[in-house]
Amino acid sequence: MRLTEVTYGSAKAIEGYGPGFFRVAGHVLRGSCLITPWDAGPWGGFDDTATPLSLVGRIDVLFVGTGAAIAHVPPAFRTAMEGQGVGVEVMASPTAARTYNVLLGEGRRVAVALLPVD
């Protein structure tokens, strides 16, 4: 079997997570965060649609990590994103982080909004 190392270039990959934090490109972010290939920072949760909507035209899919377990996102959040042509895929935060990294490595136009795992 041949293994190929995944490289992300200058893109922001998720390196790890723990109780209340995510490590992205060598930096620790505490609480909810929004991570794109070019930036990583705080996110105000489901009441904050403005931050992920600022990505319209730059991403095709937003992965949403709902914490330790999968949960429904508020319909208004999903409607706001999908109404602007951005797909929303909901999963637990660990799964969302891994999925984001895989698609990031493939050069896809993705971002991830993560609620912390406590």
PDB file of N, CA and C in Angstrom:
ATOM      1  N   MET A   1       0.842  -1.163   0.000  1.00  0.00           N
ATOM      2  CA  MET A   1       0.000   0.000   0.000  1.00  0.00           C
ATOM      3  C   MET A   1       0.891   1.231   0.000  1.00  0.00           C
ATOM      4  N   ARG A   2       0.510   2.202  -0.788  1.00  0.00           N
ATOM      5  CA  ARG A   2       1.259   3.444  -0.875  1.00  0.00           C
ATOM      6  C   ARG A   2       0.473   4.530  -0.149  1.00  0.00           C
ATOM      7  N   LEU A   3       1.129   5.228   0.762  1.00  0.00           N
ATOM      8  CA  LEU A   3       0.496   6.322   1.490  1.00  0.00           C
ATOM      9  C   LEU A   3       0.961   7.643   0.907  1.00  0.00           C
ATOM     10  N   THR A   4       0.038   8.565   0.783  1.00  0.00           N
ATOM     11  CA  THR A   4       0.348   9.883   0.276  1.00  0.00           C
ATOM     12  C   THR A   4       0.067  10.898   1.367  1.00  0.00           C
ATOM     13  N   GLU A   5       1.067  11.708   1.672  1.00  0.00           N
ATOM     14  CA  GLU A   5       0.888  12.737   2.691  1.00  0.00           C
ATOM     15  C   GLU A   5      -0.015  13.839   2.144  1.00  0.00           C
ATOM     16  N   VAL A   6      -0.976  14.251   2.950  1.00  0.00           N
ATOM     17  CA  VAL A   6      -1.874  15.328   2.563  1.00  0.00           C
ATOM     18  C   VAL A   6      -1.213  16.655   2.900  1.00  0.00           C
ATOM     19  N   THR A   7      -1.188  17.549   1.932  1.00  0.00           N
ATOM     20  CA  THR A   7      -0.664  18.891   2.184  1.00  0.00           C
ATOM     21  C   THR A   7      -1.771  19.898   1.910  1.00  0.00           C
ATOM     22  N   TYR A   8      -1.782  20.935   2.707  1.00  0.00           N
ATOM     23  CA  TYR A   8      -2.833  21.946   2.594  1.00  0.00           C
ATOM     24  C   TYR A   8      -2.307  23.274   2.062  1.00  0.00           C
ATOM     25  N   GLY A   9      -1.017  23.357   1.780  1.00  0.00           N
ATOM     26  CA  GLY A   9      -0.449  24.621   1.338  1.00  0.00           C
ATOM     27  C   GLY A   9      -0.655  25.678   2.410  1.00  0.00           C
ATOM     28  N   SER A  10      -1.165  26.819   2.033  1.00  0.00           N
ATOM     29  CA  SER A  10      -1.413  27.890   3.005  1.00  0.00           C
ATOM     30  C   SER A  10      -2.817  27.820   3.605  1.00  0.00           C
ATOM     31  N   ALA A  11      -3.602  26.825   3.212  1.00  0.00           N
ATOM     32  CA  ALA A  11      -4.972  26.697   3.723  1.00  0.00           C
ATOM     33  C   ALA A  11      -4.973  26.344   5.205  1.00  0.00           C
ATOM     34  N   LYS A  12      -6.016  26.754   5.896  1.00  0.00           N
ATOM     35  CA  LYS A  12      -6.168  26.549   7.337  1.00  0.00           C
ATOM     36  C   LYS A  12      -6.803  25.186   7.621  1.00  0.00           C
ATOM     37  N   ALA A  13      -6.002  24.242   8.038  1.00  0.00           N
ATOM     38  CA  ALA A  13      -6.503  22.912   8.394  1.00  0.00           C
ATOM     39  C   ALA A  13      -6.732  22.836   9.896  1.00  0.00           C
ATOM     40  N   ILE A  14      -7.643  21.964  10.295  1.00  0.00           N
ATOM     41  CA  ILE A  14      -7.918  21.738  11.712  1.00  0.00           C
ATOM     42  C   ILE A  14      -6.967  20.639  12.186  1.00  0.00           C
ATOM     43  N   GLU A  15      -6.166  20.976  13.191  1.00  0.00           N
ATOM     44  CA  GLU A  15      -5.139  20.050  13.675  1.00  0.00           C
ATOM     45  C   GLU A  15      -5.596  19.242  14.883  1.00  0.00           C
ATOM     46  N   GLY A  16      -6.602  19.733  15.593  1.00  0.00           N
ATOM     47  CA  GLY A  16      -7.061  19.007  16.767  1.00  0.00           C
ATOM     48  C   GLY A  16      -8.171  19.759  17.476  1.00  0.00           C
ATOM     49  N   TYR A  17      -8.733  19.133  18.490  1.00  0.00           N
ATOM     50  CA  TYR A  17      -9.792  19.763  19.281  1.00  0.00           C
ATOM     51  C   TYR A  17      -9.823  19.109  20.650  1.00  0.00           C
ATOM     52  N   GLY A  18     -10.472  19.770  21.568  1.00  0.00           N
ATOM     53  CA  GLY A  18     -10.638  19.250  22.918  1.00  0.00           C
ATOM     54  C   GLY A  18     -11.776  19.986  23.580  1.00  0.00           C
ATOM     55  N   PRO A  19     -11.925  19.830  24.886  1.00  0.00           N
ATOM     56  CA  PRO A  19     -13.039  20.483  25.586  1.00  0.00           C
ATOM     57  C   PRO A  19     -13.007  22.011  25.415  1.00  0.00           C
ATOM     58  N   GLY A  20     -13.908  22.527  24.591  1.00  0.00           N
ATOM     59  CA  GLY A  20     -14.046  23.967  24.410  1.00  0.00           C
ATOM     60  C   GLY A  20     -13.081  24.637  23.462  1.00  0.00           C
ATOM     61  N   PHE A  21     -12.238  23.888  22.748  1.00  0.00           N
ATOM     62  CA  PHE A  21     -11.280  24.535  21.845  1.00  0.00           C
ATOM     63  C   PHE A  21     -11.056  23.730  20.566  1.00  0.00           C
ATOM     64  N   PHE A  22     -10.529  24.434  19.559  1.00  0.00           N
ATOM     65  CA  PHE A  22     -10.085  23.835  18.305  1.00  0.00           C
ATOM     66  C   PHE A  22      -8.703  24.391  18.002  1.00  0.00           C
ATOM     67  N   ARG A  23      -7.795  23.567  17.488  1.00  0.00           N
ATOM     68  CA  ARG A  23      -6.478  24.023  17.071  1.00  0.00           C
ATOM     69  C   ARG A  23      -6.459  24.069  15.557  1.00  0.00           C
ATOM     70  N   VAL A  24      -6.217  25.257  15.030  1.00  0.00           N
ATOM     71  CA  VAL A  24      -6.262  25.489  13.586  1.00  0.00           C
ATOM     72  C   VAL A  24      -4.976  26.183  13.160  1.00  0.00           C
ATOM     73  N   ALA A  25      -4.229  25.541  12.275  1.00  0.00           N
ATOM     74  CA  ALA A  25      -3.011  26.122  11.717  1.00  0.00           C
ATOM     75  C   ALA A  25      -2.090  26.659  12.815  1.00  0.00           C
ATOM     76  N   GLY A  26      -1.956  25.889  13.897  1.00  0.00           N
ATOM     77  CA  GLY A  26      -1.043  26.263  14.968  1.00  0.00           C
ATOM     78  C   GLY A  26      -1.608  27.204  16.016  1.00  0.00           C
ATOM     79  N   HIS A  27      -2.854  27.634  15.879  1.00  0.00           N
ATOM     80  CA  HIS A  27      -3.474  28.557  16.828  1.00  0.00           C
ATOM     81  C   HIS A  27      -4.657  27.878  17.511  1.00  0.00           C
ATOM     82  N   VAL A  28      -4.872  28.222  18.767  1.00  0.00           N
ATOM     83  CA  VAL A  28      -5.993  27.676  19.516  1.00  0.00           C
ATOM     84  C   VAL A  28      -7.142  28.675  19.504  1.00  0.00           C
ATOM     85  N   LEU A  29      -8.315  28.197  19.093  1.00  0.00           N
ATOM     86  CA  LEU A  29      -9.541  29.002  19.113  1.00  0.00           C
ATOM     87  C   LEU A  29     -10.455  28.415  20.172  1.00  0.00           C
ATOM     88  N   ARG A  30     -10.989  29.257  21.031  1.00  0.00           N
ATOM     89  CA  ARG A  30     -11.881  28.788  22.092  1.00  0.00           C
ATOM     90  C   ARG A  30     -13.320  29.122  21.739  1.00  0.00           C
ATOM     91  N   GLY A  31     -14.220  28.206  22.050  1.00  0.00           N
ATOM     92  CA  GLY A  31     -15.641  28.423  21.788  1.00  0.00           C
ATOM     93  C   GLY A  31     -15.997  28.116  20.347  1.00  0.00           C
ATOM     94  N   SER A  32     -17.145  28.631  19.928  1.00  0.00           N
ATOM     95  CA  SER A  32     -17.626  28.406  18.560  1.00  0.00           C
ATOM     96  C   SER A  32     -16.733  29.150  17.572  1.00  0.00           C
ATOM     97  N   CYS A  33     -16.462  28.525  16.437  1.00  0.00           N
ATOM     98  CA  CYS A  33     -15.596  29.172  15.451  1.00  0.00           C
ATOM     99  C   CYS A  33     -16.019  28.841  14.028  1.00  0.00           C
ATOM    100  N   LEU A  34     -15.583  29.686  13.121  1.00  0.00           N
ATOM    101  CA  LEU A  34     -15.814  29.518  11.687  1.00  0.00           C
ATOM    102  C   LEU A  34     -14.444  29.428  11.029  1.00  0.00           C
ATOM    103  N   ILE A  35     -14.239  28.349  10.284  1.00  0.00           N
ATOM    104  CA  ILE A  35     -12.938  28.099   9.680  1.00  0.00           C
ATOM    105  C   ILE A  35     -13.106  27.985   8.175  1.00  0.00           C
ATOM    106  N   THR A  36     -12.296  28.732   7.455  1.00  0.00           N
ATOM    107  CA  THR A  36     -12.274  28.700   5.994  1.00  0.00           C
ATOM    108  C   THR A  36     -10.852  28.359   5.562  1.00  0.00           C
ATOM    109  N   PRO A  37     -10.638  28.091   4.307  1.00  0.00           N
ATOM    110  CA  PRO A  37      -9.262  27.831   3.865  1.00  0.00           C
ATOM    111  C   PRO A  37      -8.323  29.011   4.097  1.00  0.00           C
ATOM    112  N   TRP A  38      -8.823  30.221   4.213  1.00  0.00           N
ATOM    113  CA  TRP A  38      -7.987  31.412   4.318  1.00  0.00           C
ATOM    114  C   TRP A  38      -8.058  32.102   5.679  1.00  0.00           C
ATOM    115  N   ASP A  39      -8.960  31.686   6.578  1.00  0.00           N
ATOM    116  CA  ASP A  39      -9.095  32.387   7.855  1.00  0.00           C
ATOM    117  C   ASP A  39      -9.766  31.469   8.880  1.00  0.00           C
ATOM    118  N   ALA A  40      -9.595  31.790  10.139  1.00  0.00           N
ATOM    119  CA  ALA A  40     -10.252  31.070  11.231  1.00  0.00           C
ATOM    120  C   ALA A  40     -10.486  32.061  12.353  1.00  0.00           C
ATOM    121  N   GLY A  41     -11.704  32.068  12.876  1.00  0.00           N
ATOM    122  CA  GLY A  41     -12.008  33.007  13.945  1.00  0.00           C
ATOM    123  C   GLY A  41     -13.297  32.657  14.648  1.00  0.00           C
ATOM    124  N   PRO A  42     -13.715  33.517  15.571  1.00  0.00           N
ATOM    125  CA  PRO A  42     -14.931  33.235  16.340  1.00  0.00           C
ATOM    126  C   PRO A  42     -16.184  33.285  15.473  1.00  0.00           C
ATOM    127  N   TRP A  43     -17.174  32.551  15.925  1.00  0.00           N
ATOM    128  CA  TRP A  43     -18.489  32.533  15.285  1.00  0.00           C
ATOM    129  C   TRP A  43     -19.526  32.649  16.390  1.00  0.00           C
ATOM    130  N   GLY A  44     -20.547  33.438  16.187  1.00  0.00           N
ATOM    131  CA  GLY A  44     -21.557  33.702  17.213  1.00  0.00           C
ATOM    132  C   GLY A  44     -22.627  32.648  17.342  1.00  0.00           C
ATOM    133  N   GLY A  45     -22.464  31.492  16.722  1.00  0.00           N
ATOM    134  CA  GLY A  45     -23.467  30.444  16.807  1.00  0.00           C
ATOM    135  C   GLY A  45     -24.604  30.672  15.824  1.00  0.00           C
ATOM    136  N   PHE A  46     -25.687  29.957  16.020  1.00  0.00           N
ATOM    137  CA  PHE A  46     -26.770  29.958  15.033  1.00  0.00           C
ATOM    138  C   PHE A  46     -27.482  31.296  14.888  1.00  0.00           C
ATOM    139  N   ASP A  47     -27.355  32.181  15.870  1.00  0.00           N
ATOM    140  CA  ASP A  47     -27.936  33.519  15.732  1.00  0.00           C
ATOM    141  C   ASP A  47     -27.101  34.405  14.820  1.00  0.00           C
ATOM    142  N   ASP A  48     -25.883  33.992  14.526  1.00  0.00           N
ATOM    143  CA  ASP A  48     -24.960  34.749  13.680  1.00  0.00           C
ATOM    144  C   ASP A  48     -24.968  34.166  12.266  1.00  0.00           C
ATOM    145  N   THR A  49     -25.858  34.670  11.430  1.00  0.00           N
ATOM    146  CA  THR A  49     -25.851  34.237  10.027  1.00  0.00           C
ATOM    147  C   THR A  49     -24.973  35.146   9.172  1.00  0.00           C
ATOM    148  N   ALA A  50     -24.703  36.361   9.662  1.00  0.00           N
ATOM    149  CA  ALA A  50     -23.929  37.322   8.871  1.00  0.00           C
ATOM    150  C   ALA A  50     -22.519  36.809   8.576  1.00  0.00           C
ATOM    151  N   THR A  51     -21.873  36.215   9.571  1.00  0.00           N
ATOM    152  CA  THR A  51     -20.495  35.757   9.365  1.00  0.00           C
ATOM    153  C   THR A  51     -20.417  34.673   8.297  1.00  0.00           C
ATOM    154  N   PRO A  52     -21.189  33.591   8.391  1.00  0.00           N
ATOM    155  CA  PRO A  52     -21.098  32.601   7.304  1.00  0.00           C
ATOM    156  C   PRO A  52     -21.652  33.113   5.975  1.00  0.00           C
ATOM    157  N   LEU A  53     -22.637  34.016   6.017  1.00  0.00           N
ATOM    158  CA  LEU A  53     -23.155  34.559   4.754  1.00  0.00           C
ATOM    159  C   LEU A  53     -22.126  35.425   4.043  1.00  0.00           C
ATOM    160  N   SER A  54     -21.136  35.931   4.765  1.00  0.00           N
ATOM    161  CA  SER A  54     -20.076  36.716   4.121  1.00  0.00           C
ATOM    162  C   SER A  54     -19.220  35.840   3.200  1.00  0.00           C
ATOM    163  N   LEU A  55     -19.403  34.525   3.280  1.00  0.00           N
ATOM    164  CA  LEU A  55     -18.633  33.589   2.450  1.00  0.00           C
ATOM    165  C   LEU A  55     -19.320  33.249   1.126  1.00  0.00           C
ATOM    166  N   VAL A  56     -20.527  33.759   0.919  1.00  0.00           N
ATOM    167  CA  VAL A  56     -21.271  33.464  -0.313  1.00  0.00           C
ATOM    168  C   VAL A  56     -20.420  33.847  -1.524  1.00  0.00           C
ATOM    169  N   GLY A  57     -20.345  32.937  -2.467  1.00  0.00           N
ATOM    170  CA  GLY A  57     -19.536  33.132  -3.667  1.00  0.00           C
ATOM    171  C   GLY A  57     -18.125  32.589  -3.527  1.00  0.00           C
ATOM    172  N   ARG A  58     -17.698  32.308  -2.281  1.00  0.00           N
ATOM    173  CA  ARG A  58     -16.355  31.786  -2.048  1.00  0.00           C
ATOM    174  C   ARG A  58     -16.368  30.319  -1.636  1.00  0.00           C
ATOM    175  N   ILE A  59     -17.542  29.837  -1.157  1.00  0.00           N
ATOM    176  CA  ILE A  59     -17.665  28.430  -0.774  1.00  0.00           C
ATOM    177  C   ILE A  59     -18.921  27.838  -1.405  1.00  0.00           C
ATOM    178  N   ASP A  60     -18.924  26.528  -1.518  1.00  0.00           N
ATOM    179  CA  ASP A  60     -20.094  25.820  -2.023  1.00  0.00           C
ATOM    180  C   ASP A  60     -20.845  25.108  -0.905  1.00  0.00           C
ATOM    181  N   VAL A  61     -20.102  24.690   0.126  1.00  0.00           N
ATOM    182  CA  VAL A  61     -20.697  23.925   1.222  1.00  0.00           C
ATOM    183  C   VAL A  61     -20.176  24.447   2.555  1.00  0.00           C
ATOM    184  N   LEU A  62     -21.086  24.563   3.516  1.00  0.00           N
ATOM    185  CA  LEU A  62     -20.728  24.875   4.893  1.00  0.00           C
ATOM    186  C   LEU A  62     -21.042  23.649   5.735  1.00  0.00           C
ATOM    187  N   PHE A  63     -20.009  23.064   6.327  1.00  0.00           N
ATOM    188  CA  PHE A  63     -20.218  21.985   7.279  1.00  0.00           C
ATOM    189  C   PHE A  63     -20.513  22.631   8.622  1.00  0.00           C
ATOM    190  N   VAL A  64     -21.487  22.106   9.320  1.00  0.00           N
ATOM    191  CA  VAL A  64     -21.848  22.640  10.631  1.00  0.00           C
ATOM    192  C   VAL A  64     -21.664  21.540  11.657  1.00  0.00           C
ATOM    193  N   GLY A  65     -20.769  21.782  12.601  1.00  0.00           N
ATOM    194  CA  GLY A  65     -20.542  20.852  13.692  1.00  0.00           C
ATOM    195  C   GLY A  65     -21.360  21.287  14.896  1.00  0.00           C
ATOM    196  N   THR A  66     -22.223  20.409  15.367  1.00  0.00           N
ATOM    197  CA  THR A  66     -23.177  20.761  16.426  1.00  0.00           C
ATOM    198  C   THR A  66     -22.717  20.322  17.817  1.00  0.00           C
ATOM    199  N   GLY A  67     -21.423  20.170  18.013  1.00  0.00           N
ATOM    200  CA  GLY A  67     -20.912  19.751  19.310  1.00  0.00           C
ATOM    201  C   GLY A  67     -20.579  18.275  19.316  1.00  0.00           C
ATOM    202  N   ALA A  68     -20.705  17.649  20.484  1.00  0.00           N
ATOM    203  CA  ALA A  68     -20.323  16.246  20.630  1.00  0.00           C
ATOM    204  C   ALA A  68     -21.249  15.289  19.883  1.00  0.00           C
ATOM    205  N   ALA A  69     -22.492  15.693  19.678  1.00  0.00           N
ATOM    206  CA  ALA A  69     -23.472  14.837  18.995  1.00  0.00           C
ATOM    207  C   ALA A  69     -24.171  15.639  17.899  1.00  0.00           C
ATOM    208  N   ILE A  70     -24.670  14.927  16.924  1.00  0.00           N
ATOM    209  CA  ILE A  70     -25.404  15.592  15.849  1.00  0.00           C
ATOM    210  C   ILE A  70     -26.736  16.110  16.388  1.00  0.00           C
ATOM    211  N   ALA A  71     -27.113  17.287  15.912  1.00  0.00           N
ATOM    212  CA  ALA A  71     -28.375  17.907  16.318  1.00  0.00           C
ATOM    213  C   ALA A  71     -28.901  18.713  15.133  1.00  0.00           C
ATOM    214  N   HIS A  72     -30.162  19.060  15.180  1.00  0.00           N
ATOM    215  CA  HIS A  72     -30.740  19.876  14.118  1.00  0.00           C
ATOM    216  C   HIS A  72     -30.271  21.320  14.253  1.00  0.00           C
ATOM    217  N   VAL A  73     -30.068  21.965  13.114  1.00  0.00           N
ATOM    218  CA  VAL A  73     -29.793  23.404  13.137  1.00  0.00           C
ATOM    219  C   VAL A  73     -31.123  24.136  13.014  1.00  0.00           C
ATOM    220  N   PRO A  74     -31.213  25.351  13.528  1.00  0.00           N
ATOM    221  CA  PRO A  74     -32.456  26.099  13.384  1.00  0.00           C
ATOM    222  C   PRO A  74     -32.816  26.270  11.903  1.00  0.00           C
ATOM    223  N   PRO A  75     -34.084  26.084  11.558  1.00  0.00           N
ATOM    224  CA  PRO A  75     -34.494  26.219  10.152  1.00  0.00           C
ATOM    225  C   PRO A  75     -34.106  27.566   9.531  1.00  0.00           C
ATOM    226  N   ALA A  76     -34.162  28.635  10.316  1.00  0.00           N
ATOM    227  CA  ALA A  76     -33.820  29.956   9.776  1.00  0.00           C
ATOM    228  C   ALA A  76     -32.354  30.015   9.343  1.00  0.00           C
ATOM    229  N   PHE A  77     -31.478  29.361  10.082  1.00  0.00           N
ATOM    230  CA  PHE A  77     -30.056  29.334   9.723  1.00  0.00           C
ATOM    231  C   PHE A  77     -29.860  28.597   8.402  1.00  0.00           C
ATOM    232  N   ARG A  78     -30.441  27.412   8.300  1.00  0.00           N
ATOM    233  CA  ARG A  78     -30.323  26.619   7.074  1.00  0.00           C
ATOM    234  C   ARG A  78     -30.920  27.375   5.883  1.00  0.00           C
ATOM    235  N   THR A  79     -32.089  27.958   6.069  1.00  0.00           N
ATOM    236  CA  THR A  79     -32.764  28.687   4.991  1.00  0.00           C
ATOM    237  C   THR A  79     -31.928  29.867   4.518  1.00  0.00           C
ATOM    238  N   ALA A  80     -31.316  30.589   5.463  1.00  0.00           N
ATOM    239  CA  ALA A  80     -30.488  31.742   5.097  1.00  0.00           C
ATOM    240  C   ALA A  80     -29.316  31.316   4.216  1.00  0.00           C
ATOM    241  N   MET A  81     -28.655  30.222   4.588  1.00  0.00           N
ATOM    242  CA  MET A  81     -27.498  29.764   3.816  1.00  0.00           C
ATOM    243  C   MET A  81     -27.914  29.191   2.460  1.00  0.00           C
ATOM    244  N   GLU A  82     -28.871  28.282   2.494  1.00  0.00           N
ATOM    245  CA  GLU A  82     -29.286  27.636   1.245  1.00  0.00           C
ATOM    246  C   GLU A  82     -29.946  28.626   0.296  1.00  0.00           C
ATOM    247  N   GLY A  83     -30.598  29.643   0.838  1.00  0.00           N
ATOM    248  CA  GLY A  83     -31.201  30.687   0.007  1.00  0.00           C
ATOM    249  C   GLY A  83     -30.177  31.478  -0.784  1.00  0.00           C
ATOM    250  N   GLN A  84     -28.929  31.439  -0.338  1.00  0.00           N
ATOM    251  CA  GLN A  84     -27.840  32.127  -1.042  1.00  0.00           C
ATOM    252  C   GLN A  84     -26.963  31.157  -1.835  1.00  0.00           C
ATOM    253  N   GLY A  85     -27.426  29.904  -1.957  1.00  0.00           N
ATOM    254  CA  GLY A  85     -26.718  28.936  -2.785  1.00  0.00           C
ATOM    255  C   GLY A  85     -25.610  28.168  -2.085  1.00  0.00           C
ATOM    256  N   VAL A  86     -25.556  28.228  -0.756  1.00  0.00           N
ATOM    257  CA  VAL A  86     -24.540  27.492  -0.006  1.00  0.00           C
ATOM    258  C   VAL A  86     -25.192  26.272   0.635  1.00  0.00           C
ATOM    259  N   GLY A  87     -24.689  25.095   0.314  1.00  0.00           N
ATOM    260  CA  GLY A  87     -25.203  23.878   0.922  1.00  0.00           C
ATOM    261  C   GLY A  87     -24.809  23.795   2.383  1.00  0.00           C
ATOM    262  N   VAL A  88     -25.670  23.208   3.195  1.00  0.00           N
ATOM    263  CA  VAL A  88     -25.418  23.047   4.628  1.00  0.00           C
ATOM    264  C   VAL A  88     -25.440  21.562   4.956  1.00  0.00           C
ATOM    265  N   GLU A  89     -24.346  21.066   5.508  1.00  0.00           N
ATOM    266  CA  GLU A  89     -24.239  19.672   5.926  1.00  0.00           C
ATOM    267  C   GLU A  89     -23.988  19.653   7.425  1.00  0.00           C
ATOM    268  N   VAL A  90     -24.885  19.033   8.163  1.00  0.00           N
ATOM    269  CA  VAL A  90     -24.838  19.034   9.621  1.00  0.00           C
ATOM    270  C   VAL A  90     -24.313  17.698  10.135  1.00  0.00           C
ATOM    271  N   MET A  91     -23.409  17.760  11.109  1.00  0.00           N
ATOM    272  CA  MET A  91     -22.848  16.564  11.731  1.00  0.00           C
ATOM    273  C   MET A  91     -22.248  16.965  13.075  1.00  0.00           C
ATOM    274  N   ALA A  92     -21.829  15.998  13.858  1.00  0.00           N
ATOM    275  CA  ALA A  92     -21.133  16.294  15.105  1.00  0.00           C
ATOM    276  C   ALA A  92     -19.827  17.030  14.778  1.00  0.00           C
ATOM    277  N   SER A  93     -19.354  17.870  15.698  1.00  0.00           N
ATOM    278  CA  SER A  93     -18.156  18.682  15.426  1.00  0.00           C
ATOM    279  C   SER A  93     -16.919  17.866  15.072  1.00  0.00           C
ATOM    280  N   PRO A  94     -16.618  16.741  15.760  1.00  0.00           N
ATOM    281  CA  PRO A  94     -15.443  15.965  15.337  1.00  0.00           C
ATOM    282  C   PRO A  94     -15.542  15.474  13.891  1.00  0.00           C
ATOM    283  N   THR A  95     -16.712  15.027  13.494  1.00  0.00           N
ATOM    284  CA  THR A  95     -16.925  14.554  12.123  1.00  0.00           C
ATOM    285  C   THR A  95     -16.834  15.712  11.138  1.00  0.00           C
ATOM    286  N   ALA A  96     -17.403  16.854  11.498  1.00  0.00           N
ATOM    287  CA  ALA A  96     -17.347  18.035  10.623  1.00  0.00           C
ATOM    288  C   ALA A  96     -15.902  18.481  10.416  1.00  0.00           C
ATOM    289  N   ALA A  97     -15.098  18.448  11.474  1.00  0.00           N
ATOM    290  CA  ALA A  97     -13.694  18.848  11.365  1.00  0.00           C
ATOM    291  C   ALA A  97     -12.933  17.915  10.427  1.00  0.00           C
ATOM    292  N   ARG A  98     -13.136  16.610  10.585  1.00  0.00           N
ATOM    293  CA  ARG A  98     -12.446  15.647   9.709  1.00  0.00           C
ATOM    294  C   ARG A  98     -12.902  15.789   8.257  1.00  0.00           C
ATOM    295  N   THR A  99     -14.197  15.952   8.057  1.00  0.00           N
ATOM    296  CA  THR A  99     -14.736  16.081   6.698  1.00  0.00           C
ATOM    297  C   THR A  99     -14.209  17.342   6.029  1.00  0.00           C
ATOM    298  N   TYR A 100     -14.179  18.434   6.775  1.00  0.00           N
ATOM    299  CA  TYR A 100     -13.621  19.695   6.256  1.00  0.00           C
ATOM    300  C   TYR A 100     -12.182  19.472   5.791  1.00  0.00           C
ATOM    301  N   ASN A 101     -11.360  18.830   6.628  1.00  0.00           N
ATOM    302  CA  ASN A 101      -9.958  18.613   6.258  1.00  0.00           C
ATOM    303  C   ASN A 101      -9.818  17.760   5.005  1.00  0.00           C
ATOM    304  N   VAL A 102     -10.630  16.723   4.873  1.00  0.00           N
ATOM    305  CA  VAL A 102     -10.554  15.857   3.692  1.00  0.00           C
ATOM    306  C   VAL A 102     -10.863  16.662   2.431  1.00  0.00           C
ATOM    307  N   LEU A 103     -11.958  17.404   2.457  1.00  0.00           N
ATOM    308  CA  LEU A 103     -12.330  18.174   1.273  1.00  0.00           C
ATOM    309  C   LEU A 103     -11.391  19.348   1.034  1.00  0.00           C
ATOM    310  N   LEU A 104     -10.851  19.917   2.093  1.00  0.00           N
ATOM    311  CA  LEU A 104      -9.838  20.967   1.957  1.00  0.00           C
ATOM    312  C   LEU A 104      -8.621  20.413   1.219  1.00  0.00           C
ATOM    313  N   GLY A 105      -8.214  19.206   1.574  1.00  0.00           N
ATOM    314  CA  GLY A 105      -7.083  18.562   0.907  1.00  0.00           C
ATOM    315  C   GLY A 105      -7.336  18.285  -0.564  1.00  0.00           C
ATOM    316  N   GLU A 106      -8.609  18.182  -0.929  1.00  0.00           N
ATOM    317  CA  GLU A 106      -8.978  17.979  -2.336  1.00  0.00           C
ATOM    318  C   GLU A 106      -9.144  19.300  -3.086  1.00  0.00           C
ATOM    319  N   GLY A 107      -8.965  20.413  -2.387  1.00  0.00           N
ATOM    320  CA  GLY A 107      -9.088  21.723  -3.021  1.00  0.00           C
ATOM    321  C   GLY A 107     -10.518  22.197  -3.183  1.00  0.00           C
ATOM    322  N   ARG A 108     -11.446  21.629  -2.444  1.00  0.00           N
ATOM    323  CA  ARG A 108     -12.858  22.025  -2.559  1.00  0.00           C
ATOM    324  C   ARG A 108     -13.111  23.368  -1.883  1.00  0.00           C
ATOM    325  N   ARG A 109     -14.201  23.999  -2.277  1.00  0.00           N
ATOM    326  CA  ARG A 109     -14.604  25.313  -1.742  1.00  0.00           C
ATOM    327  C   ARG A 109     -15.524  25.083  -0.538  1.00  0.00           C
ATOM    328  N   VAL A 110     -14.907  24.852   0.628  1.00  0.00           N
ATOM    329  CA  VAL A 110     -15.650  24.499   1.819  1.00  0.00           C
ATOM    330  C   VAL A 110     -15.264  25.393   2.989  1.00  0.00           C
ATOM    331  N   ALA A 111     -16.150  25.417   3.990  1.00  0.00           N
ATOM    332  CA  ALA A 111     -15.885  26.050   5.275  1.00  0.00           C
ATOM    333  C   ALA A 111     -16.582  25.214   6.324  1.00  0.00           C
ATOM    334  N   VAL A 112     -16.236  25.456   7.595  1.00  0.00           N
ATOM    335  CA  VAL A 112     -16.870  24.720   8.669  1.00  0.00           C
ATOM    336  C   VAL A 112     -17.160  25.663   9.837  1.00  0.00           C
ATOM    337  N   ALA A 113     -18.372  25.565  10.347  1.00  0.00           N
ATOM    338  CA  ALA A 113     -18.786  26.310  11.532  1.00  0.00           C
ATOM    339  C   ALA A 113     -18.926  25.281  12.654  1.00  0.00           C
ATOM    340  N   LEU A 114     -18.192  25.482  13.737  1.00  0.00           N
ATOM    341  CA  LEU A 114     -18.109  24.464  14.779  1.00  0.00           C
ATOM    342  C   LEU A 114     -18.571  24.979  16.130  1.00  0.00           C
ATOM    343  N   LEU A 115     -19.446  24.225  16.760  1.00  0.00           N
ATOM    344  CA  LEU A 115     -19.757  24.430  18.164  1.00  0.00           C
ATOM    345  C   LEU A 115     -18.792  23.553  18.948  1.00  0.00           C
ATOM    346  N   PRO A 116     -18.330  24.021  20.100  1.00  0.00           N
ATOM    347  CA  PRO A 116     -17.316  23.253  20.833  1.00  0.00           C
ATOM    348  C   PRO A 116     -17.836  21.922  21.355  1.00  0.00           C
ATOM    349  N   VAL A 117     -16.890  21.029  21.545  1.00  0.00           N
ATOM    350  CA  VAL A 117     -17.156  19.730  22.152  1.00  0.00           C
ATOM    351  C   VAL A 117     -16.756  19.871  23.616  1.00  0.00           C
ATOM    352  N   ASP A 118     -17.698  19.657  24.489  1.00  0.00           N
ATOM    353  CA  ASP A 118     -17.386  19.799  25.928  1.00  0.00           C
ATOM    354  C   ASP A 118     -17.118  18.475  26.578  1.00  0.00           C
TER     355      ASP A 118
END
